[in-house]
Amino acid sequence: MGLVIFGLGGLGYWGFQAAGLEGFSAGIAAQAVLVAVVLIWTGSYLFRVVTGNMTYMEQRRRYRSAYDAATDEELQKRFDALSPEEQEKLLRDLGQLQDSSES
């Protein structure tokens, strides 16, 4: 990555020389542009870190929501395959259903 930035600095220097700037002026202009690019790039990275919009985090969110949906569907299919008595017993064991004798 460092070589790419170094190469861009050289291209910028020659570009500014071709545009009419001489010697140190072309070098300073190329350096200023590179510093601005690096600062903007770093700032955008930090912004993505703070807001949580990094590639890995987005990928993990998408995976988790797909996993949860698939798991929910599978659990619902298994629950629906149970007999009504088994469904009632399971719900009672999980605390989702009150015993009618307790009321």
PDB file of N, CA and C in Angstrom:
ATOM      1  N   MET A   1       0.828  -1.181   0.000  1.00  0.00           N
ATOM      2  CA  MET A   1       0.000   0.000   0.000  1.00  0.00           C
ATOM      3  C   MET A   1       0.879   1.253   0.000  1.00  0.00           C
ATOM      4  N   GLY A   2       1.973   1.173   0.748  1.00  0.00           N
ATOM      5  CA  GLY A   2       2.889   2.317   0.800  1.00  0.00           C
ATOM      6  C   GLY A   2       3.482   2.633  -0.554  1.00  0.00           C
ATOM      7  N   LEU A   3       3.776   1.574  -1.326  1.00  0.00           N
ATOM      8  CA  LEU A   3       4.328   1.801  -2.669  1.00  0.00           C
ATOM      9  C   LEU A   3       3.315   2.463  -3.587  1.00  0.00           C
ATOM     10  N   VAL A   4       2.062   2.116  -3.430  1.00  0.00           N
ATOM     11  CA  VAL A   4       1.004   2.727  -4.238  1.00  0.00           C
ATOM     12  C   VAL A   4       0.918   4.219  -3.932  1.00  0.00           C
ATOM     13  N   ILE A   5       0.932   4.556  -2.657  1.00  0.00           N
ATOM     14  CA  ILE A   5       0.863   5.972  -2.273  1.00  0.00           C
ATOM     15  C   ILE A   5       2.104   6.713  -2.764  1.00  0.00           C
ATOM     16  N   PHE A   6       3.274   6.063  -2.641  1.00  0.00           N
ATOM     17  CA  PHE A   6       4.515   6.657  -3.134  1.00  0.00           C
ATOM     18  C   PHE A   6       4.426   6.897  -4.639  1.00  0.00           C
ATOM     19  N   GLY A   7       3.885   5.906  -5.364  1.00  0.00           N
ATOM     20  CA  GLY A   7       3.714   6.052  -6.818  1.00  0.00           C
ATOM     21  C   GLY A   7       2.737   7.161  -7.170  1.00  0.00           C
ATOM     22  N   LEU A   8       1.658   7.275  -6.406  1.00  0.00           N
ATOM     23  CA  LEU A   8       0.693   8.348  -6.649  1.00  0.00           C
ATOM     24  C   LEU A   8       1.319   9.719  -6.409  1.00  0.00           C
ATOM     25  N   GLY A   9       2.196   9.783  -5.409  1.00  0.00           N
ATOM     26  CA  GLY A   9       2.907  11.045  -5.157  1.00  0.00           C
ATOM     27  C   GLY A   9       3.769  11.436  -6.350  1.00  0.00           C
ATOM     28  N   GLY A  10       4.478  10.453  -6.922  1.00  0.00           N
ATOM     29  CA  GLY A  10       5.301  10.717  -8.105  1.00  0.00           C
ATOM     30  C   GLY A  10       4.463  11.132  -9.303  1.00  0.00           C
ATOM     31  N   LEU A  11       3.341  10.443  -9.505  1.00  0.00           N
ATOM     32  CA  LEU A  11       2.447  10.812 -10.616  1.00  0.00           C
ATOM     33  C   LEU A  11       1.877  12.207 -10.409  1.00  0.00           C
ATOM     34  N   GLY A  12       1.517  12.507  -9.167  1.00  0.00           N
ATOM     35  CA  GLY A  12       1.003  13.848  -8.872  1.00  0.00           C
ATOM     36  C   GLY A  12       2.051  14.907  -9.129  1.00  0.00           C
ATOM     37  N   TYR A  13       3.292  14.629  -8.754  1.00  0.00           N
ATOM     38  CA  TYR A  13       4.393  15.577  -8.983  1.00  0.00           C
ATOM     39  C   TYR A  13       4.546  15.855 -10.478  1.00  0.00           C
ATOM     40  N   TRP A  14       4.597  14.786 -11.258  1.00  0.00           N
ATOM     41  CA  TRP A  14       4.736  14.981 -12.716  1.00  0.00           C
ATOM     42  C   TRP A  14       3.503  15.650 -13.312  1.00  0.00           C
ATOM     43  N   GLY A  15       2.335  15.334 -12.783  1.00  0.00           N
ATOM     44  CA  GLY A  15       1.110  15.975 -13.255  1.00  0.00           C
ATOM     45  C   GLY A  15       1.105  17.468 -12.984  1.00  0.00           C
ATOM     46  N   PHE A  16       1.533  17.846 -11.777  1.00  0.00           N
ATOM     47  CA  PHE A  16       1.586  19.273 -11.448  1.00  0.00           C
ATOM     48  C   PHE A  16       2.677  19.987 -12.247  1.00  0.00           C
ATOM     49  N   GLN A  17       3.773  19.295 -12.536  1.00  0.00           N
ATOM     50  CA  GLN A  17       4.810  19.892 -13.388  1.00  0.00           C
ATOM     51  C   GLN A  17       4.264  20.103 -14.795  1.00  0.00           C
ATOM     52  N   ALA A  18       3.510  19.145 -15.303  1.00  0.00           N
ATOM     53  CA  ALA A  18       2.920  19.266 -16.639  1.00  0.00           C
ATOM     54  C   ALA A  18       1.882  20.387 -16.671  1.00  0.00           C
ATOM     55  N   ALA A  19       1.260  20.661 -15.520  1.00  0.00           N
ATOM     56  CA  ALA A  19       0.261  21.725 -15.449  1.00  0.00           C
ATOM     57  C   ALA A  19       0.896  23.102 -15.310  1.00  0.00           C
ATOM     58  N   GLY A  20       2.231  23.139 -15.191  1.00  0.00           N
ATOM     59  CA  GLY A  20       2.900  24.425 -15.170  1.00  0.00           C
ATOM     60  C   GLY A  20       3.580  24.789 -13.868  1.00  0.00           C
ATOM     61  N   LEU A  21       3.426  24.002 -12.833  1.00  0.00           N
ATOM     62  CA  LEU A  21       4.121  24.291 -11.574  1.00  0.00           C
ATOM     63  C   LEU A  21       5.564  23.812 -11.691  1.00  0.00           C
ATOM     64  N   GLU A  22       6.473  24.511 -11.045  1.00  0.00           N
ATOM     65  CA  GLU A  22       7.884  24.169 -11.164  1.00  0.00           C
ATOM     66  C   GLU A  22       8.439  23.623  -9.860  1.00  0.00           C
ATOM     67  N   GLY A  23       9.350  22.684  -9.945  1.00  0.00           N
ATOM     68  CA  GLY A  23      10.149  22.162  -8.843  1.00  0.00           C
ATOM     69  C   GLY A  23       9.418  21.941  -7.545  1.00  0.00           C
ATOM     70  N   PHE A  24       9.805  22.747  -6.535  1.00  0.00           N
ATOM     71  CA  PHE A  24       9.248  22.584  -5.199  1.00  0.00           C
ATOM     72  C   PHE A  24       7.739  22.816  -5.164  1.00  0.00           C
ATOM     73  N   SER A  25       7.240  23.718  -5.980  1.00  0.00           N
ATOM     74  CA  SER A  25       5.797  23.999  -5.988  1.00  0.00           C
ATOM     75  C   SER A  25       5.012  22.760  -6.404  1.00  0.00           C
ATOM     76  N   ALA A  26       5.508  22.053  -7.422  1.00  0.00           N
ATOM     77  CA  ALA A  26       4.833  20.825  -7.860  1.00  0.00           C
ATOM     78  C   ALA A  26       4.898  19.771  -6.753  1.00  0.00           C
ATOM     79  N   GLY A  27       6.036  19.657  -6.078  1.00  0.00           N
ATOM     80  CA  GLY A  27       6.181  18.687  -4.991  1.00  0.00           C
ATOM     81  C   GLY A  27       5.269  19.007  -3.821  1.00  0.00           C
ATOM     82  N   ILE A  28       5.195  20.270  -3.454  1.00  0.00           N
ATOM     83  CA  ILE A  28       4.334  20.680  -2.340  1.00  0.00           C
ATOM     84  C   ILE A  28       2.869  20.447  -2.690  1.00  0.00           C
ATOM     85  N   ALA A  29       2.483  20.753  -3.912  1.00  0.00           N
ATOM     86  CA  ALA A  29       1.092  20.550  -4.333  1.00  0.00           C
ATOM     87  C   ALA A  29       0.746  19.055  -4.324  1.00  0.00           C
ATOM     88  N   ALA A  30       1.668  18.222  -4.845  1.00  0.00           N
ATOM     89  CA  ALA A  30       1.424  16.775  -4.863  1.00  0.00           C
ATOM     90  C   ALA A  30       1.335  16.243  -3.433  1.00  0.00           C
ATOM     91  N   GLN A  31       2.204  16.716  -2.562  1.00  0.00           N
ATOM     92  CA  GLN A  31       2.186  16.278  -1.168  1.00  0.00           C
ATOM     93  C   GLN A  31       0.895  16.719  -0.477  1.00  0.00           C
ATOM     94  N   ALA A  32       0.447  17.915  -0.747  1.00  0.00           N
ATOM     95  CA  ALA A  32      -0.792  18.414  -0.139  1.00  0.00           C
ATOM     96  C   ALA A  32      -1.988  17.565  -0.571  1.00  0.00           C
ATOM     97  N   VAL A  33      -2.012  17.213  -1.849  1.00  0.00           N
ATOM     98  CA  VAL A  33      -3.115  16.375  -2.351  1.00  0.00           C
ATOM     99  C   VAL A  33      -3.061  15.003  -1.682  1.00  0.00           C
ATOM    100  N   LEU A  34      -1.875  14.414  -1.574  1.00  0.00           N
ATOM    101  CA  LEU A  34      -1.751  13.101  -0.942  1.00  0.00           C
ATOM    102  C   LEU A  34      -2.138  13.140   0.536  1.00  0.00           C
ATOM    103  N   VAL A  35      -1.722  14.177   1.232  1.00  0.00           N
ATOM    104  CA  VAL A  35      -2.085  14.302   2.641  1.00  0.00           C
ATOM    105  C   VAL A  35      -3.604  14.423   2.773  1.00  0.00           C
ATOM    106  N   ALA A  36      -4.225  15.200   1.914  1.00  0.00           N
ATOM    107  CA  ALA A  36      -5.684  15.349   1.950  1.00  0.00           C
ATOM    108  C   ALA A  36      -6.369  14.004   1.688  1.00  0.00           C
ATOM    109  N   VAL A  37      -5.877  13.261   0.693  1.00  0.00           N
ATOM    110  CA  VAL A  37      -6.468  11.950   0.368  1.00  0.00           C
ATOM    111  C   VAL A  37      -6.335  11.002   1.555  1.00  0.00           C
ATOM    112  N   VAL A  38      -5.144  10.949   2.167  1.00  0.00           N
ATOM    113  CA  VAL A  38      -4.935  10.048   3.300  1.00  0.00           C
ATOM    114  C   VAL A  38      -5.810  10.457   4.487  1.00  0.00           C
ATOM    115  N   LEU A  39      -5.937  11.747   4.753  1.00  0.00           N
ATOM    116  CA  LEU A  39      -6.782  12.203   5.857  1.00  0.00           C
ATOM    117  C   LEU A  39      -8.255  11.874   5.618  1.00  0.00           C
ATOM    118  N   ILE A  40      -8.717  12.072   4.401  1.00  0.00           N
ATOM    119  CA  ILE A  40     -10.114  11.746   4.070  1.00  0.00           C
ATOM    120  C   ILE A  40     -10.343  10.239   4.182  1.00  0.00           C
ATOM    121  N   TRP A  41      -9.406   9.461   3.678  1.00  0.00           N
ATOM    122  CA  TRP A  41      -9.503   8.000   3.738  1.00  0.00           C
ATOM    123  C   TRP A  41      -9.539   7.534   5.195  1.00  0.00           C
ATOM    124  N   THR A  42      -8.636   8.048   6.018  1.00  0.00           N
ATOM    125  CA  THR A  42      -8.594   7.684   7.430  1.00  0.00           C
ATOM    126  C   THR A  42      -9.868   8.141   8.140  1.00  0.00           C
ATOM    127  N   GLY A  43     -10.331   9.327   7.828  1.00  0.00           N
ATOM    128  CA  GLY A  43     -11.568   9.821   8.431  1.00  0.00           C
ATOM    129  C   GLY A  43     -12.771   8.965   8.078  1.00  0.00           C
ATOM    130  N   SER A  44     -12.850   8.535   6.815  1.00  0.00           N
ATOM    131  CA  SER A  44     -13.974   7.680   6.421  1.00  0.00           C
ATOM    132  C   SER A  44     -13.907   6.336   7.140  1.00  0.00           C
ATOM    133  N   TYR A  45     -12.698   5.811   7.320  1.00  0.00           N
ATOM    134  CA  TYR A  45     -12.541   4.551   8.049  1.00  0.00           C
ATOM    135  C   TYR A  45     -12.997   4.718   9.499  1.00  0.00           C
ATOM    136  N   LEU A  46     -12.535   5.772  10.149  1.00  0.00           N
ATOM    137  CA  LEU A  46     -12.934   6.003  11.534  1.00  0.00           C
ATOM    138  C   LEU A  46     -14.443   6.203  11.661  1.00  0.00           C
ATOM    139  N   PHE A  47     -15.039   6.892  10.692  1.00  0.00           N
ATOM    140  CA  PHE A  47     -16.490   7.079  10.699  1.00  0.00           C
ATOM    141  C   PHE A  47     -17.204   5.731  10.606  1.00  0.00           C
ATOM    142  N   ARG A  48     -16.718   4.841   9.715  1.00  0.00           N
ATOM    143  CA  ARG A  48     -17.330   3.515   9.586  1.00  0.00           C
ATOM    144  C   ARG A  48     -17.158   2.689  10.858  1.00  0.00           C
ATOM    145  N   VAL A  49     -16.014   2.850  11.533  1.00  0.00           N
ATOM    146  CA  VAL A  49     -15.797   2.127  12.789  1.00  0.00           C
ATOM    147  C   VAL A  49     -16.780   2.602  13.855  1.00  0.00           C
ATOM    148  N   VAL A  50     -16.908   3.916  13.989  1.00  0.00           N
ATOM    149  CA  VAL A  50     -17.781   4.480  15.023  1.00  0.00           C
ATOM    150  C   VAL A  50     -19.246   4.134  14.759  1.00  0.00           C
ATOM    151  N   THR A  51     -19.677   4.183  13.504  1.00  0.00           N
ATOM    152  CA  THR A  51     -21.077   3.895  13.187  1.00  0.00           C
ATOM    153  C   THR A  51     -21.361   2.413  13.029  1.00  0.00           C
ATOM    154  N   GLY A  52     -20.321   1.579  13.019  1.00  0.00           N
ATOM    155  CA  GLY A  52     -20.519   0.130  12.900  1.00  0.00           C
ATOM    156  C   GLY A  52     -20.830  -0.330  11.499  1.00  0.00           C
ATOM    157  N   ASN A  53     -20.466   0.437  10.501  1.00  0.00           N
ATOM    158  CA  ASN A  53     -20.740   0.076   9.109  1.00  0.00           C
ATOM    159  C   ASN A  53     -19.539  -0.554   8.422  1.00  0.00           C
ATOM    160  N   MET A  54     -18.763  -1.298   9.163  1.00  0.00           N
ATOM    161  CA  MET A  54     -17.608  -1.960   8.574  1.00  0.00           C
ATOM    162  C   MET A  54     -18.073  -3.224   7.861  1.00  0.00           C
ATOM    163  N   THR A  55     -17.340  -3.655   6.876  1.00  0.00           N
ATOM    164  CA  THR A  55     -17.723  -4.805   6.067  1.00  0.00           C
ATOM    165  C   THR A  55     -17.975  -6.036   6.920  1.00  0.00           C
ATOM    166  N   TYR A  56     -17.063  -6.342   7.839  1.00  0.00           N
ATOM    167  CA  TYR A  56     -17.216  -7.530   8.672  1.00  0.00           C
ATOM    168  C   TYR A  56     -18.474  -7.451   9.523  1.00  0.00           C
ATOM    169  N   MET A  57     -18.721  -6.299  10.104  1.00  0.00           N
ATOM    170  CA  MET A  57     -19.884  -6.157  10.971  1.00  0.00           C
ATOM    171  C   MET A  57     -21.184  -6.280  10.178  1.00  0.00           C
ATOM    172  N   GLU A  58     -21.217  -5.698   8.987  1.00  0.00           N
ATOM    173  CA  GLU A  58     -22.406  -5.810   8.137  1.00  0.00           C
ATOM    174  C   GLU A  58     -22.633  -7.261   7.729  1.00  0.00           C
ATOM    175  N   GLN A  59     -21.556  -7.935   7.356  1.00  0.00           N
ATOM    176  CA  GLN A  59     -21.652  -9.333   6.957  1.00  0.00           C
ATOM    177  C   GLN A  59     -22.166 -10.184   8.120  1.00  0.00           C
ATOM    178  N   ARG A  60     -21.674  -9.899   9.297  1.00  0.00           N
ATOM    179  CA  ARG A  60     -22.094 -10.651  10.477  1.00  0.00           C
ATOM    180  C   ARG A  60     -23.569 -10.396  10.798  1.00  0.00           C
ATOM    181  N   ARG A  61     -24.020  -9.150  10.650  1.00  0.00           N
ATOM    182  CA  ARG A  61     -25.448  -8.840  10.884  1.00  0.00           C
ATOM    183  C   ARG A  61     -26.341  -9.591   9.902  1.00  0.00           C
ATOM    184  N   ARG A  62     -25.949  -9.567   8.614  1.00  0.00           N
ATOM    185  CA  ARG A  62     -26.750 -10.285   7.607  1.00  0.00           C
ATOM    186  C   ARG A  62     -26.782 -11.782   7.890  1.00  0.00           C
ATOM    187  N   TYR A  63     -25.623 -12.355   8.244  1.00  0.00           N
ATOM    188  CA  TYR A  63     -25.558 -13.778   8.562  1.00  0.00           C
ATOM    189  C   TYR A  63     -26.440 -14.093   9.758  1.00  0.00           C
ATOM    190  N   ARG A  64     -26.361 -13.281  10.803  1.00  0.00           N
ATOM    191  CA  ARG A  64     -27.118 -13.536  12.023  1.00  0.00           C
ATOM    192  C   ARG A  64     -28.623 -13.473  11.773  1.00  0.00           C
ATOM    193  N   SER A  65     -29.064 -12.488  10.982  1.00  0.00           N
ATOM    194  CA  SER A  65     -30.508 -12.393  10.717  1.00  0.00           C
ATOM    195  C   SER A  65     -30.982 -13.566   9.862  1.00  0.00           C
ATOM    196  N   ALA A  66     -30.161 -14.002   8.898  1.00  0.00           N
ATOM    197  CA  ALA A  66     -30.528 -15.165   8.086  1.00  0.00           C
ATOM    198  C   ALA A  66     -30.549 -16.429   8.936  1.00  0.00           C
ATOM    199  N   TYR A  67     -29.571 -16.563   9.832  1.00  0.00           N
ATOM    200  CA  TYR A  67     -29.514 -17.721  10.730  1.00  0.00           C
ATOM    201  C   TYR A  67     -30.730 -17.740  11.656  1.00  0.00           C
ATOM    202  N   ASP A  68     -31.055 -16.584  12.228  1.00  0.00           N
ATOM    203  CA  ASP A  68     -32.205 -16.512  13.127  1.00  0.00           C
ATOM    204  C   ASP A  68     -33.495 -16.867  12.399  1.00  0.00           C
ATOM    205  N   ALA A  69     -33.648 -16.372  11.167  1.00  0.00           N
ATOM    206  CA  ALA A  69     -34.869 -16.672  10.406  1.00  0.00           C
ATOM    207  C   ALA A  69     -34.962 -18.171  10.111  1.00  0.00           C
ATOM    208  N   ALA A  70     -33.844 -18.779   9.698  1.00  0.00           N
ATOM    209  CA  ALA A  70     -33.846 -20.210   9.387  1.00  0.00           C
ATOM    210  C   ALA A  70     -34.113 -21.034  10.644  1.00  0.00           C
ATOM    211  N   THR A  71     -33.522 -20.625  11.752  1.00  0.00           N
ATOM    212  CA  THR A  71     -33.729 -21.333  13.016  1.00  0.00           C
ATOM    213  C   THR A  71     -35.171 -21.203  13.475  1.00  0.00           C
ATOM    214  N   ASP A  72     -35.742 -20.010  13.365  1.00  0.00           N
ATOM    215  CA  ASP A  72     -37.136 -19.802  13.757  1.00  0.00           C
ATOM    216  C   ASP A  72     -38.074 -20.673  12.923  1.00  0.00           C
ATOM    217  N   GLU A  73     -37.819 -20.733  11.617  1.00  0.00           N
ATOM    218  CA  GLU A  73     -38.660 -21.557  10.738  1.00  0.00           C
ATOM    219  C   GLU A  73     -38.559 -23.034  11.118  1.00  0.00           C
ATOM    220  N   GLU A  74     -37.335 -23.508  11.371  1.00  0.00           N
ATOM    221  CA  GLU A  74     -37.130 -24.905  11.737  1.00  0.00           C
ATOM    222  C   GLU A  74     -37.805 -25.229  13.061  1.00  0.00           C
ATOM    223  N   LEU A  75     -37.658 -24.350  14.034  1.00  0.00           N
ATOM    224  CA  LEU A  75     -38.300 -24.582  15.327  1.00  0.00           C
ATOM    225  C   LEU A  75     -39.825 -24.578  15.204  1.00  0.00           C
ATOM    226  N   GLN A  76     -40.361 -23.681  14.384  1.00  0.00           N
ATOM    227  CA  GLN A  76     -41.813 -23.637  14.187  1.00  0.00           C
ATOM    228  C   GLN A  76     -42.302 -24.917  13.523  1.00  0.00           C
ATOM    229  N   LYS A  77     -41.559 -25.427  12.544  1.00  0.00           N
ATOM    230  CA  LYS A  77     -41.939 -26.693  11.894  1.00  0.00           C
ATOM    231  C   LYS A  77     -41.948 -27.828  12.907  1.00  0.00           C
ATOM    232  N   ARG A  78     -40.919 -27.889  13.744  1.00  0.00           N
ATOM    233  CA  ARG A  78     -40.853 -28.948  14.751  1.00  0.00           C
ATOM    234  C   ARG A  78     -41.993 -28.823  15.761  1.00  0.00           C
ATOM    235  N   PHE A  79     -42.287 -27.590  16.165  1.00  0.00           N
ATOM    236  CA  PHE A  79     -43.378 -27.376  17.113  1.00  0.00           C
ATOM    237  C   PHE A  79     -44.707 -27.783  16.495  1.00  0.00           C
ATOM    238  N   ASP A  80     -44.928 -27.411  15.237  1.00  0.00           N
ATOM    239  CA  ASP A  80     -46.181 -27.750  14.568  1.00  0.00           C
ATOM    240  C   ASP A  80     -46.331 -29.257  14.367  1.00  0.00           C
ATOM    241  N   ALA A  81     -45.208 -29.988  14.293  1.00  0.00           N
ATOM    242  CA  ALA A  81     -45.262 -31.435  14.107  1.00  0.00           C
ATOM    243  C   ALA A  81     -45.635 -32.167  15.397  1.00  0.00           C
ATOM    244  N   LEU A  82     -45.551 -31.492  16.533  1.00  0.00           N
ATOM    245  CA  LEU A  82     -45.915 -32.111  17.807  1.00  0.00           C
ATOM    246  C   LEU A  82     -47.427 -32.226  17.928  1.00  0.00           C
ATOM    247  N   SER A  83     -47.861 -33.187  18.705  1.00  0.00           N
ATOM    248  CA  SER A  83     -49.300 -33.317  18.973  1.00  0.00           C
ATOM    249  C   SER A  83     -49.726 -32.163  19.871  1.00  0.00           C
ATOM    250  N   PRO A  84     -50.998 -31.853  19.921  1.00  0.00           N
ATOM    251  CA  PRO A  84     -51.457 -30.762  20.796  1.00  0.00           C
ATOM    252  C   PRO A  84     -51.071 -30.980  22.261  1.00  0.00           C
ATOM    253  N   GLU A  85     -51.111 -32.230  22.721  1.00  0.00           N
ATOM    254  CA  GLU A  85     -50.727 -32.507  24.106  1.00  0.00           C
ATOM    255  C   GLU A  85     -49.240 -32.208  24.333  1.00  0.00           C
ATOM    256  N   GLU A  86     -48.394 -32.613  23.359  1.00  0.00           N
ATOM    257  CA  GLU A  86     -46.956 -32.357  23.469  1.00  0.00           C
ATOM    258  C   GLU A  86     -46.664 -30.852  23.403  1.00  0.00           C
ATOM    259  N   GLN A  87     -47.409 -30.152  22.546  1.00  0.00           N
ATOM    260  CA  GLN A  87     -47.236 -28.693  22.458  1.00  0.00           C
ATOM    261  C   GLN A  87     -47.568 -28.044  23.802  1.00  0.00           C
ATOM    262  N   GLU A  88     -48.692 -28.473  24.389  1.00  0.00           N
ATOM    263  CA  GLU A  88     -49.119 -27.913  25.666  1.00  0.00           C
ATOM    264  C   GLU A  88     -48.094 -28.211  26.763  1.00  0.00           C
ATOM    265  N   LYS A  89     -47.593 -29.460  26.805  1.00  0.00           N
ATOM    266  CA  LYS A  89     -46.589 -29.835  27.813  1.00  0.00           C
ATOM    267  C   LYS A  89     -45.319 -29.003  27.631  1.00  0.00           C
ATOM    268  N   LEU A  90     -44.874 -28.816  26.394  1.00  0.00           N
ATOM    269  CA  LEU A  90     -43.665 -28.043  26.127  1.00  0.00           C
ATOM    270  C   LEU A  90     -43.849 -26.588  26.558  1.00  0.00           C
ATOM    271  N   LEU A  91     -44.988 -26.015  26.198  1.00  0.00           N
ATOM    272  CA  LEU A  91     -45.262 -24.630  26.585  1.00  0.00           C
ATOM    273  C   LEU A  91     -45.324 -24.481  28.104  1.00  0.00           C
ATOM    274  N   ARG A  92     -45.903 -25.475  28.767  1.00  0.00           N
ATOM    275  CA  ARG A  92     -45.988 -25.436  30.227  1.00  0.00           C
ATOM    276  C   ARG A  92     -44.581 -25.553  30.830  1.00  0.00           C
ATOM    277  N   ASP A  93     -43.747 -26.450  30.285  1.00  0.00           N
ATOM    278  CA  ASP A  93     -42.372 -26.630  30.786  1.00  0.00           C
ATOM    279  C   ASP A  93     -41.544 -25.359  30.596  1.00  0.00           C
ATOM    280  N   LEU A  94     -41.816 -24.625  29.539  1.00  0.00           N
ATOM    281  CA  LEU A  94     -41.072 -23.400  29.257  1.00  0.00           C
ATOM    282  C   LEU A  94     -41.645 -22.188  29.996  1.00  0.00           C
ATOM    283  N   GLY A  95     -42.766 -22.378  30.672  1.00  0.00           N
ATOM    284  CA  GLY A  95     -43.358 -21.271  31.418  1.00  0.00           C
ATOM    285  C   GLY A  95     -44.183 -20.349  30.549  1.00  0.00           C
ATOM    286  N   GLN A  96     -44.504 -20.773  29.339  1.00  0.00           N
ATOM    287  CA  GLN A  96     -45.287 -19.953  28.445  1.00  0.00           C
ATOM    288  C   GLN A  96     -46.794 -20.186  28.617  1.00  0.00           C
ATOM    289  N   LEU A  97     -47.123 -21.199  29.366  1.00  0.00           N
ATOM    290  CA  LEU A  97     -48.535 -21.554  29.550  1.00  0.00           C
ATOM    291  C   LEU A  97     -48.737 -21.846  31.042  1.00  0.00           C
ATOM    292  N   GLN A  98     -49.802 -21.306  31.620  1.00  0.00           N
ATOM    293  CA  GLN A  98     -50.107 -21.515  33.029  1.00  0.00           C
ATOM    294  C   GLN A  98     -50.891 -22.823  33.166  1.00  0.00           C
ATOM    295  N   ASP A  99     -50.617 -23.556  34.229  1.00  0.00           N
ATOM    296  CA  ASP A  99     -51.442 -24.734  34.516  1.00  0.00           C
ATOM    297  C   ASP A  99     -52.837 -24.292  34.865  1.00  0.00           C
ATOM    298  N   SER A 100     -53.834 -24.984  34.332  1.00  0.00           N
ATOM    299  CA  SER A 100     -55.213 -24.617  34.648  1.00  0.00           C
ATOM    300  C   SER A 100     -55.541 -24.944  36.100  1.00  0.00           C
ATOM    301  N   SER A 101     -54.805 -25.876  36.709  1.00  0.00           N
ATOM    302  CA  SER A 101     -55.060 -26.226  38.106  1.00  0.00           C
ATOM    303  C   SER A 101     -54.540 -25.153  39.069  1.00  0.00           C
ATOM    304  N   GLU A 102     -53.563 -24.308  38.598  1.00  0.00           N
ATOM    305  CA  GLU A 102     -52.991 -23.259  39.442  1.00  0.00           C
ATOM    306  C   GLU A 102     -53.896 -22.055  39.541  1.00  0.00           C
ATOM    307  N   SER A 103     -54.813 -21.860  38.620  1.00  0.00           N
ATOM    308  CA  SER A 103     -55.644 -20.647  38.581  1.00  0.00           C
ATOM    309  C   SER A 103     -56.631 -20.591  39.685  1.00  0.00           C
TER     310      SER A 103
END
